[in-house]
Amino acid sequence: CTDISSIEEDNKGFLWISTLYGLSRLDPKTLTYTNYFATDGLGGNQFYDRASCILSDGRLVFGGTHGLTLFNPEYKRDTTRIPIVFENLKVHNKIMVPGKGSCIDKVLSCCPDIHLNHKQNSFNISFSALDYSEHERIYYSYMLEGFDNYWIECGHNREAYYANLPAGNYVFKVRITSNDSSIEPTENSIRVSVKPSPWASWWAWLIYLALAGGMSAWIIHISLRLRRERKATEKAEREKAQEHLINQMNM
């Protein structure tokens, strides 16, 4: 939020900035910040202008519509581990459900292998951390191992989309992080395979090789036959010329 209400510096040099939507801690050395909201223990999210101070014991006080928020800036929260689950798989914007003939045999939260045919190589996967009270501080990133070369940061967005994925075997990974150490980085993964089209499958290539081999053999056979016929013709012409020469000499 750009609507800054008040700024206080703690005893370690960190800047605490109250706004109209939450409280932020800025590290001036690294220019990184951590956001805090009512879900983190604040009395509320909206703070008044210039309503703050630092007490003699180092505690900070900020005033807002909810009253006073008083805390020790050196207090560290316990680390929380939040699991990630996969929610839905969409192929061409249609949600896939388990069943006979489907590309999954279990609901996506059970992390089943995803088997896609060559016509299903454009899809969406949605995911979520199982703690909606922490959604403001959770950041997602994902990658498709075997296709992506790096993690894709997607912020609070909880969906990944891939289009025209080549045939092959992949592992889709998603992880969560936070801008402080209160949430332990967590990762989950699911395997994805895309079958090649029938004309690009291994047995199709065997047919192509067999046809190419047969065509090559036929071309070689025709070439050898033409060469034999040409030699036979040349031999007949030489014999005819010799016979004609002998007849002339006898005359």
C-alpha atoms as a PDB file:
ATOM      1  CA  CYS A   1       0.000   0.000   0.000  1.00  0.00           C
ATOM      2  CA  THR A   2       1.376   3.463  -0.887  1.00  0.00           C
ATOM      3  CA  ASP A   3      -0.773   5.316   1.695  1.00  0.00           C
ATOM      4  CA  ILE A   4       1.849   5.603   4.440  1.00  0.00           C
ATOM      5  CA  SER A   5       0.509   6.706   7.806  1.00  0.00           C
ATOM      6  CA  SER A   6       3.597   6.667  10.028  1.00  0.00           C
ATOM      7  CA  ILE A   7       7.222   5.456  10.174  1.00  0.00           C
ATOM      8  CA  GLU A   8       9.254   4.346  13.208  1.00  0.00           C
ATOM      9  CA  GLU A   9      12.815   2.988  13.419  1.00  0.00           C
ATOM     10  CA  ASP A  10      13.524   0.215  15.923  1.00  0.00           C
ATOM     11  CA  ASN A  11      16.746  -0.316  17.878  1.00  0.00           C
ATOM     12  CA  LYS A  12      18.211  -2.515  15.122  1.00  0.00           C
ATOM     13  CA  GLY A  13      17.681   0.010  12.349  1.00  0.00           C
ATOM     14  CA  PHE A  14      14.616  -1.583  10.753  1.00  0.00           C
ATOM     15  CA  LEU A  15      11.885   0.786   9.605  1.00  0.00           C
ATOM     16  CA  TRP A  16       8.311  -0.019  10.631  1.00  0.00           C
ATOM     17  CA  ILE A  17       5.775   1.585   8.316  1.00  0.00           C
ATOM     18  CA  SER A  18       2.076   1.749   9.120  1.00  0.00           C
ATOM     19  CA  THR A  19      -0.332   2.186   6.220  1.00  0.00           C
ATOM     20  CA  LEU A  20      -4.020   2.173   5.451  1.00  0.00           C
ATOM     21  CA  TYR A  21      -3.709  -1.561   4.910  1.00  0.00           C
ATOM     22  CA  GLY A  22      -1.375  -3.257   7.352  1.00  0.00           C
ATOM     23  CA  LEU A  23       2.081  -2.776   8.803  1.00  0.00           C
ATOM     24  CA  SER A  24       5.403  -3.312   7.011  1.00  0.00           C
ATOM     25  CA  ARG A  25       8.970  -3.797   8.190  1.00  0.00           C
ATOM     26  CA  LEU A  26      11.656  -2.503   5.809  1.00  0.00           C
ATOM     27  CA  ASP A  27      15.307  -3.545   5.939  1.00  0.00           C
ATOM     28  CA  PRO A  28      17.217  -0.460   4.666  1.00  0.00           C
ATOM     29  CA  LYS A  29      20.317  -2.554   3.885  1.00  0.00           C
ATOM     30  CA  THR A  30      18.649  -5.060   1.576  1.00  0.00           C
ATOM     31  CA  LEU A  31      15.526  -3.019   0.713  1.00  0.00           C
ATOM     32  CA  THR A  32      13.408  -6.073   1.505  1.00  0.00           C
ATOM     33  CA  TYR A  33      10.175  -5.784   3.423  1.00  0.00           C
ATOM     34  CA  THR A  34       7.783  -7.943   5.405  1.00  0.00           C
ATOM     35  CA  ASN A  35       4.069  -7.237   5.577  1.00  0.00           C
ATOM     36  CA  TYR A  36       1.876  -7.859   8.610  1.00  0.00           C
ATOM     37  CA  PHE A  37      -1.903  -7.838   8.791  1.00  0.00           C
ATOM     38  CA  ALA A  38      -4.702  -8.480  11.246  1.00  0.00           C
ATOM     39  CA  THR A  39      -4.315 -12.201  10.558  1.00  0.00           C
ATOM     40  CA  ASP A  40      -0.791 -11.940  12.014  1.00  0.00           C
ATOM     41  CA  GLY A  41      -2.024 -10.531  15.313  1.00  0.00           C
ATOM     42  CA  LEU A  42      -2.508  -6.832  14.585  1.00  0.00           C
ATOM     43  CA  GLY A  43      -5.607  -5.273  16.083  1.00  0.00           C
ATOM     44  CA  GLY A  44      -6.592  -4.109  12.605  1.00  0.00           C
ATOM     45  CA  ASN A  45      -5.194  -3.105   9.243  1.00  0.00           C
ATOM     46  CA  GLN A  46      -5.975   0.629   9.062  1.00  0.00           C
ATOM     47  CA  PHE A  47      -3.646   3.034  10.902  1.00  0.00           C
ATOM     48  CA  TYR A  48      -3.879   6.768  11.614  1.00  0.00           C
ATOM     49  CA  ASP A  49      -1.450   9.398  10.321  1.00  0.00           C
ATOM     50  CA  ARG A  50       1.526  10.132  12.632  1.00  0.00           C
ATOM     51  CA  ALA A  51       0.002   7.950  15.371  1.00  0.00           C
ATOM     52  CA  SER A  52       3.116   6.044  16.466  1.00  0.00           C
ATOM     53  CA  CYS A  53       6.056   6.086  18.864  1.00  0.00           C
ATOM     54  CA  ILE A  54       8.863   3.944  20.257  1.00  0.00           C
ATOM     55  CA  LEU A  55       8.874   3.269  24.005  1.00  0.00           C
ATOM     56  CA  SER A  56      11.932   3.347  26.253  1.00  0.00           C
ATOM     57  CA  ASP A  57      12.068  -0.472  26.324  1.00  0.00           C
ATOM     58  CA  GLY A  58      12.160  -0.645  22.509  1.00  0.00           C
ATOM     59  CA  ARG A  59       8.548  -1.616  21.950  1.00  0.00           C
ATOM     60  CA  LEU A  60       6.639   0.107  19.160  1.00  0.00           C
ATOM     61  CA  VAL A  61       3.149   1.562  19.326  1.00  0.00           C
ATOM     62  CA  PHE A  62       0.908   2.336  16.356  1.00  0.00           C
ATOM     63  CA  GLY A  63      -2.602   3.751  16.567  1.00  0.00           C
ATOM     64  CA  GLY A  64      -5.408   2.914  14.199  1.00  0.00           C
ATOM     65  CA  THR A  65      -9.141   2.545  13.825  1.00  0.00           C
ATOM     66  CA  HIS A  66      -8.951  -0.551  16.023  1.00  0.00           C
ATOM     67  CA  GLY A  67      -7.096   1.189  18.846  1.00  0.00           C
ATOM     68  CA  LEU A  68      -3.428   0.707  19.759  1.00  0.00           C
ATOM     69  CA  THR A  69      -1.111  -1.970  18.406  1.00  0.00           C
ATOM     70  CA  LEU A  70       1.855  -2.512  20.746  1.00  0.00           C
ATOM     71  CA  PHE A  71       4.589  -5.070  20.080  1.00  0.00           C
ATOM     72  CA  ASN A  72       8.242  -5.948  20.541  1.00  0.00           C
ATOM     73  CA  PRO A  73       9.945  -5.707  17.108  1.00  0.00           C
ATOM     74  CA  GLU A  74      12.553  -8.283  18.161  1.00  0.00           C
ATOM     75  CA  TYR A  75       9.928 -10.959  18.788  1.00  0.00           C
ATOM     76  CA  LYS A  76      10.111 -13.852  16.325  1.00  0.00           C
ATOM     77  CA  ARG A  77       7.142 -16.022  15.504  1.00  0.00           C
ATOM     78  CA  ASP A  78       7.402 -19.802  15.473  1.00  0.00           C
ATOM     79  CA  THR A  79       7.914 -21.301  12.034  1.00  0.00           C
ATOM     80  CA  THR A  80       4.737 -22.733  10.532  1.00  0.00           C
ATOM     81  CA  ARG A  81       4.651 -25.547   7.991  1.00  0.00           C
ATOM     82  CA  ILE A  82       1.734 -25.285   5.575  1.00  0.00           C
ATOM     83  CA  PRO A  83       1.061 -28.157   3.150  1.00  0.00           C
ATOM     84  CA  ILE A  84       0.257 -27.537  -0.519  1.00  0.00           C
ATOM     85  CA  VAL A  85      -2.417 -29.458  -2.397  1.00  0.00           C
ATOM     86  CA  PHE A  86      -3.326 -29.648  -6.061  1.00  0.00           C
ATOM     87  CA  GLU A  87      -6.926 -28.646  -6.672  1.00  0.00           C
ATOM     88  CA  ASN A  88      -8.003 -28.991 -10.299  1.00  0.00           C
ATOM     89  CA  LEU A  89      -6.697 -30.038 -13.678  1.00  0.00           C
ATOM     90  CA  LYS A  90      -8.253 -28.341 -16.686  1.00  0.00           C
ATOM     91  CA  VAL A  91      -7.699 -29.508 -20.248  1.00  0.00           C
ATOM     92  CA  HIS A  92      -8.907 -26.968 -22.794  1.00  0.00           C
ATOM     93  CA  ASN A  93     -10.759 -25.230 -19.909  1.00  0.00           C
ATOM     94  CA  LYS A  94     -12.632 -28.410 -18.957  1.00  0.00           C
ATOM     95  CA  ILE A  95     -12.126 -29.776 -15.431  1.00  0.00           C
ATOM     96  CA  MET A  96     -10.881 -33.366 -15.505  1.00  0.00           C
ATOM     97  CA  VAL A  97     -12.498 -35.878 -13.141  1.00  0.00           C
ATOM     98  CA  PRO A  98     -11.256 -39.382 -12.303  1.00  0.00           C
ATOM     99  CA  GLY A  99     -12.791 -42.257 -14.195  1.00  0.00           C
ATOM    100  CA  LYS A 100     -12.393 -44.746 -16.999  1.00  0.00           C
ATOM    101  CA  GLY A 101     -10.784 -43.125 -20.000  1.00  0.00           C
ATOM    102  CA  SER A 102      -9.789 -40.049 -17.995  1.00  0.00           C
ATOM    103  CA  CYS A 103      -6.244 -38.725 -17.777  1.00  0.00           C
ATOM    104  CA  ILE A 104      -6.319 -39.148 -13.965  1.00  0.00           C
ATOM    105  CA  ASP A 105      -7.491 -42.091 -11.861  1.00  0.00           C
ATOM    106  CA  LYS A 106      -7.815 -40.187  -8.560  1.00  0.00           C
ATOM    107  CA  VAL A 107      -8.705 -36.681  -7.460  1.00  0.00           C
ATOM    108  CA  LEU A 108      -5.829 -34.276  -8.004  1.00  0.00           C
ATOM    109  CA  SER A 109      -5.271 -33.708  -4.274  1.00  0.00           C
ATOM    110  CA  CYS A 110      -4.032 -37.333  -4.097  1.00  0.00           C
ATOM    111  CA  CYS A 111      -1.258 -36.482  -6.605  1.00  0.00           C
ATOM    112  CA  PRO A 112      -2.097 -39.103  -9.251  1.00  0.00           C
ATOM    113  CA  ASP A 113       0.033 -39.412 -12.355  1.00  0.00           C
ATOM    114  CA  ILE A 114      -1.412 -37.330 -15.177  1.00  0.00           C
ATOM    115  CA  HIS A 115      -1.482 -39.108 -18.552  1.00  0.00           C
ATOM    116  CA  LEU A 116      -2.325 -36.821 -21.470  1.00  0.00           C
ATOM    117  CA  ASN A 117      -2.671 -37.701 -25.134  1.00  0.00           C
ATOM    118  CA  HIS A 118      -1.345 -35.533 -27.953  1.00  0.00           C
ATOM    119  CA  LYS A 119      -4.626 -33.594 -28.149  1.00  0.00           C
ATOM    120  CA  GLN A 120      -4.508 -32.731 -24.425  1.00  0.00           C
ATOM    121  CA  ASN A 121      -1.131 -30.984 -24.373  1.00  0.00           C
ATOM    122  CA  SER A 122      -2.629 -27.630 -23.294  1.00  0.00           C
ATOM    123  CA  PHE A 123      -3.765 -27.617 -19.674  1.00  0.00           C
ATOM    124  CA  ASN A 124      -4.095 -25.719 -16.374  1.00  0.00           C
ATOM    125  CA  ILE A 125      -3.180 -26.941 -12.889  1.00  0.00           C
ATOM    126  CA  SER A 126      -4.465 -25.085  -9.820  1.00  0.00           C
ATOM    127  CA  PHE A 127      -3.005 -25.445  -6.332  1.00  0.00           C
ATOM    128  CA  SER A 128      -3.372 -23.949  -2.876  1.00  0.00           C
ATOM    129  CA  ALA A 129      -1.765 -23.788   0.553  1.00  0.00           C
ATOM    130  CA  LEU A 130      -3.999 -25.261   3.251  1.00  0.00           C
ATOM    131  CA  ASP A 131      -4.106 -22.182   5.452  1.00  0.00           C
ATOM    132  CA  TYR A 132      -6.241 -19.384   4.063  1.00  0.00           C
ATOM    133  CA  SER A 133      -5.539 -17.168   7.071  1.00  0.00           C
ATOM    134  CA  GLU A 134      -1.957 -16.768   5.822  1.00  0.00           C
ATOM    135  CA  HIS A 135      -2.813 -16.009   2.193  1.00  0.00           C
ATOM    136  CA  GLU A 136      -1.506 -12.441   2.409  1.00  0.00           C
ATOM    137  CA  ARG A 137       2.024 -13.635   3.221  1.00  0.00           C
ATOM    138  CA  ILE A 138       2.201 -16.730   1.023  1.00  0.00           C
ATOM    139  CA  TYR A 139       3.896 -16.493  -2.356  1.00  0.00           C
ATOM    140  CA  TYR A 140       3.764 -19.264  -4.946  1.00  0.00           C
ATOM    141  CA  SER A 141       6.225 -20.386  -7.585  1.00  0.00           C
ATOM    142  CA  TYR A 142       6.174 -23.373  -9.915  1.00  0.00           C
ATOM    143  CA  MET A 143       8.130 -25.140 -12.618  1.00  0.00           C
ATOM    144  CA  LEU A 144       7.635 -28.045 -15.003  1.00  0.00           C
ATOM    145  CA  GLU A 145      10.782 -30.118 -14.663  1.00  0.00           C
ATOM    146  CA  GLY A 146      11.877 -31.240 -18.101  1.00  0.00           C
ATOM    147  CA  PHE A 147      10.417 -28.133 -19.755  1.00  0.00           C
ATOM    148  CA  ASP A 148      11.060 -25.037 -17.610  1.00  0.00           C
ATOM    149  CA  ASN A 149      14.655 -24.078 -16.842  1.00  0.00           C
ATOM    150  CA  TYR A 150      13.812 -22.037 -13.749  1.00  0.00           C
ATOM    151  CA  TRP A 151      11.115 -21.461 -11.140  1.00  0.00           C
ATOM    152  CA  ILE A 152       8.295 -19.168 -12.267  1.00  0.00           C
ATOM    153  CA  GLU A 153       7.281 -16.684  -9.570  1.00  0.00           C
ATOM    154  CA  CYS A 154       3.519 -16.137  -9.611  1.00  0.00           C
ATOM    155  CA  GLY A 155       2.912 -14.224  -6.363  1.00  0.00           C
ATOM    156  CA  HIS A 156      -0.546 -14.957  -4.956  1.00  0.00           C
ATOM    157  CA  ASN A 157      -1.728 -16.549  -8.203  1.00  0.00           C
ATOM    158  CA  ARG A 158      -2.567 -20.228  -7.679  1.00  0.00           C
ATOM    159  CA  GLU A 159      -2.700 -21.580 -11.210  1.00  0.00           C
ATOM    160  CA  ALA A 160      -0.200 -22.607 -13.888  1.00  0.00           C
ATOM    161  CA  TYR A 161      -0.921 -22.868 -17.608  1.00  0.00           C
ATOM    162  CA  TYR A 162       0.962 -24.715 -20.346  1.00  0.00           C
ATOM    163  CA  ALA A 163       0.140 -24.767 -24.048  1.00  0.00           C
ATOM    164  CA  ASN A 164       1.302 -27.077 -26.846  1.00  0.00           C
ATOM    165  CA  LEU A 165       3.562 -29.077 -24.556  1.00  0.00           C
ATOM    166  CA  PRO A 166       5.825 -31.480 -26.493  1.00  0.00           C
ATOM    167  CA  ALA A 167       5.449 -35.204 -25.911  1.00  0.00           C
ATOM    168  CA  GLY A 168       7.505 -36.442 -22.976  1.00  0.00           C
ATOM    169  CA  ASN A 169       7.624 -37.112 -19.243  1.00  0.00           C
ATOM    170  CA  TYR A 170       7.633 -34.205 -16.798  1.00  0.00           C
ATOM    171  CA  VAL A 171       7.332 -33.390 -13.101  1.00  0.00           C
ATOM    172  CA  PHE A 172       5.226 -30.374 -12.155  1.00  0.00           C
ATOM    173  CA  LYS A 173       6.458 -28.749  -8.933  1.00  0.00           C
ATOM    174  CA  VAL A 174       4.939 -25.986  -6.845  1.00  0.00           C
ATOM    175  CA  ARG A 175       6.321 -24.377  -3.712  1.00  0.00           C
ATOM    176  CA  ILE A 176       5.375 -21.667  -1.249  1.00  0.00           C
ATOM    177  CA  THR A 177       7.548 -19.106   0.479  1.00  0.00           C
ATOM    178  CA  SER A 178       6.924 -16.028   2.587  1.00  0.00           C
ATOM    179  CA  ASN A 179       8.702 -12.721   2.960  1.00  0.00           C
ATOM    180  CA  ASP A 180       9.701 -13.625   6.508  1.00  0.00           C
ATOM    181  CA  SER A 181      10.836 -16.779   8.297  1.00  0.00           C
ATOM    182  CA  SER A 182       7.493 -17.554   9.929  1.00  0.00           C
ATOM    183  CA  ILE A 183       6.403 -19.924   7.129  1.00  0.00           C
ATOM    184  CA  GLU A 184       8.604 -22.855   6.239  1.00  0.00           C
ATOM    185  CA  PRO A 185       9.175 -23.251   2.475  1.00  0.00           C
ATOM    186  CA  THR A 186       7.047 -26.182   1.306  1.00  0.00           C
ATOM    187  CA  GLU A 187       6.977 -28.058  -1.996  1.00  0.00           C
ATOM    188  CA  ASN A 188       4.714 -30.572  -3.709  1.00  0.00           C
ATOM    189  CA  SER A 189       4.938 -32.303  -7.073  1.00  0.00           C
ATOM    190  CA  ILE A 190       2.958 -34.376  -9.533  1.00  0.00           C
ATOM    191  CA  ARG A 191       4.095 -36.352 -12.582  1.00  0.00           C
ATOM    192  CA  VAL A 192       2.816 -35.461 -16.044  1.00  0.00           C
ATOM    193  CA  SER A 193       3.259 -37.424 -19.255  1.00  0.00           C
ATOM    194  CA  VAL A 194       2.201 -36.388 -22.748  1.00  0.00           C
ATOM    195  CA  LYS A 195       1.909 -39.158 -25.323  1.00  0.00           C
ATOM    196  CA  PRO A 196       3.165 -38.487 -28.841  1.00  0.00           C
ATOM    197  CA  SER A 197       0.709 -38.303 -31.711  1.00  0.00           C
ATOM    198  CA  PRO A 198       0.163 -41.617 -33.569  1.00  0.00           C
ATOM    199  CA  TRP A 199       2.271 -40.407 -36.497  1.00  0.00           C
ATOM    200  CA  ALA A 200       5.129 -39.579 -34.109  1.00  0.00           C
ATOM    201  CA  SER A 201       5.020 -42.701 -31.912  1.00  0.00           C
ATOM    202  CA  TRP A 202       7.806 -45.307 -31.824  1.00  0.00           C
ATOM    203  CA  TRP A 203       5.853 -47.844 -33.861  1.00  0.00           C
ATOM    204  CA  ALA A 204       5.089 -45.165 -36.461  1.00  0.00           C
ATOM    205  CA  TRP A 205       8.816 -44.483 -36.749  1.00  0.00           C
ATOM    206  CA  LEU A 206       9.398 -48.221 -37.217  1.00  0.00           C
ATOM    207  CA  ILE A 207       6.930 -48.160 -40.114  1.00  0.00           C
ATOM    208  CA  TYR A 208       8.657 -45.089 -41.553  1.00  0.00           C
ATOM    209  CA  LEU A 209      12.032 -46.828 -41.296  1.00  0.00           C
ATOM    210  CA  ALA A 210      10.641 -49.996 -42.876  1.00  0.00           C
ATOM    211  CA  LEU A 211       9.128 -47.995 -45.735  1.00  0.00           C
ATOM    212  CA  ALA A 212      12.332 -46.022 -46.173  1.00  0.00           C
ATOM    213  CA  GLY A 213      14.341 -49.260 -46.157  1.00  0.00           C
ATOM    214  CA  GLY A 214      12.003 -50.859 -48.679  1.00  0.00           C
ATOM    215  CA  MET A 215      12.123 -47.787 -50.902  1.00  0.00           C
ATOM    216  CA  SER A 216      15.917 -47.720 -50.729  1.00  0.00           C
ATOM    217  CA  ALA A 217      16.106 -51.424 -51.608  1.00  0.00           C
ATOM    218  CA  TRP A 218      13.721 -50.897 -54.543  1.00  0.00           C
ATOM    219  CA  ILE A 219      15.758 -47.928 -55.813  1.00  0.00           C
ATOM    220  CA  ILE A 220      18.983 -49.947 -55.534  1.00  0.00           C
ATOM    221  CA  HIS A 221      17.354 -52.884 -57.334  1.00  0.00           C
ATOM    222  CA  ILE A 222      16.130 -50.643 -60.174  1.00  0.00           C
ATOM    223  CA  SER A 223      19.544 -48.961 -60.423  1.00  0.00           C
ATOM    224  CA  LEU A 224      21.345 -52.312 -60.658  1.00  0.00           C
ATOM    225  CA  ARG A 225      18.891 -53.599 -63.279  1.00  0.00           C
ATOM    226  CA  LEU A 226      19.287 -50.469 -65.389  1.00  0.00           C
ATOM    227  CA  ARG A 227      23.055 -50.766 -65.094  1.00  0.00           C
ATOM    228  CA  ARG A 228      22.936 -54.420 -66.249  1.00  0.00           C
ATOM    229  CA  GLU A 229      20.638 -53.533 -69.132  1.00  0.00           C
ATOM    230  CA  ARG A 230      22.904 -50.653 -70.153  1.00  0.00           C
ATOM    231  CA  LYS A 231      25.969 -52.915 -70.095  1.00  0.00           C
ATOM    232  CA  ALA A 232      24.128 -55.578 -72.089  1.00  0.00           C
ATOM    233  CA  THR A 233      23.097 -52.982 -74.671  1.00  0.00           C
ATOM    234  CA  GLU A 234      26.638 -51.630 -74.908  1.00  0.00           C
ATOM    235  CA  LYS A 235      28.000 -55.187 -75.333  1.00  0.00           C
ATOM    236  CA  ALA A 236      25.472 -55.972 -78.066  1.00  0.00           C
ATOM    237  CA  GLU A 237      26.387 -52.774 -79.902  1.00  0.00           C
ATOM    238  CA  ARG A 238      30.107 -53.602 -79.684  1.00  0.00           C
ATOM    239  CA  GLU A 239      29.517 -57.133 -80.993  1.00  0.00           C
ATOM    240  CA  LYS A 240      27.392 -55.775 -83.824  1.00  0.00           C
ATOM    241  CA  ALA A 241      30.084 -53.260 -84.731  1.00  0.00           C
ATOM    242  CA  GLN A 242      32.773 -55.979 -84.705  1.00  0.00           C
ATOM    243  CA  GLU A 243      30.615 -58.229 -86.886  1.00  0.00           C
ATOM    244  CA  HIS A 244      30.065 -55.400 -89.339  1.00  0.00           C
ATOM    245  CA  LEU A 245      33.809 -54.717 -89.452  1.00  0.00           C
ATOM    246  CA  ILE A 246      34.600 -58.390 -90.103  1.00  0.00           C
ATOM    247  CA  ASN A 247      32.059 -58.526 -92.942  1.00  0.00           C
ATOM    248  CA  GLN A 248      33.652 -55.489 -94.569  1.00  0.00           C
ATOM    249  CA  MET A 249      37.121 -57.052 -94.323  1.00  0.00           C
ATOM    250  CA  ASN A 250      35.907 -60.304 -95.912  1.00  0.00           C
ATOM    251  CA  MET A 251      34.456 -58.380 -98.807  1.00  0.00           C
END
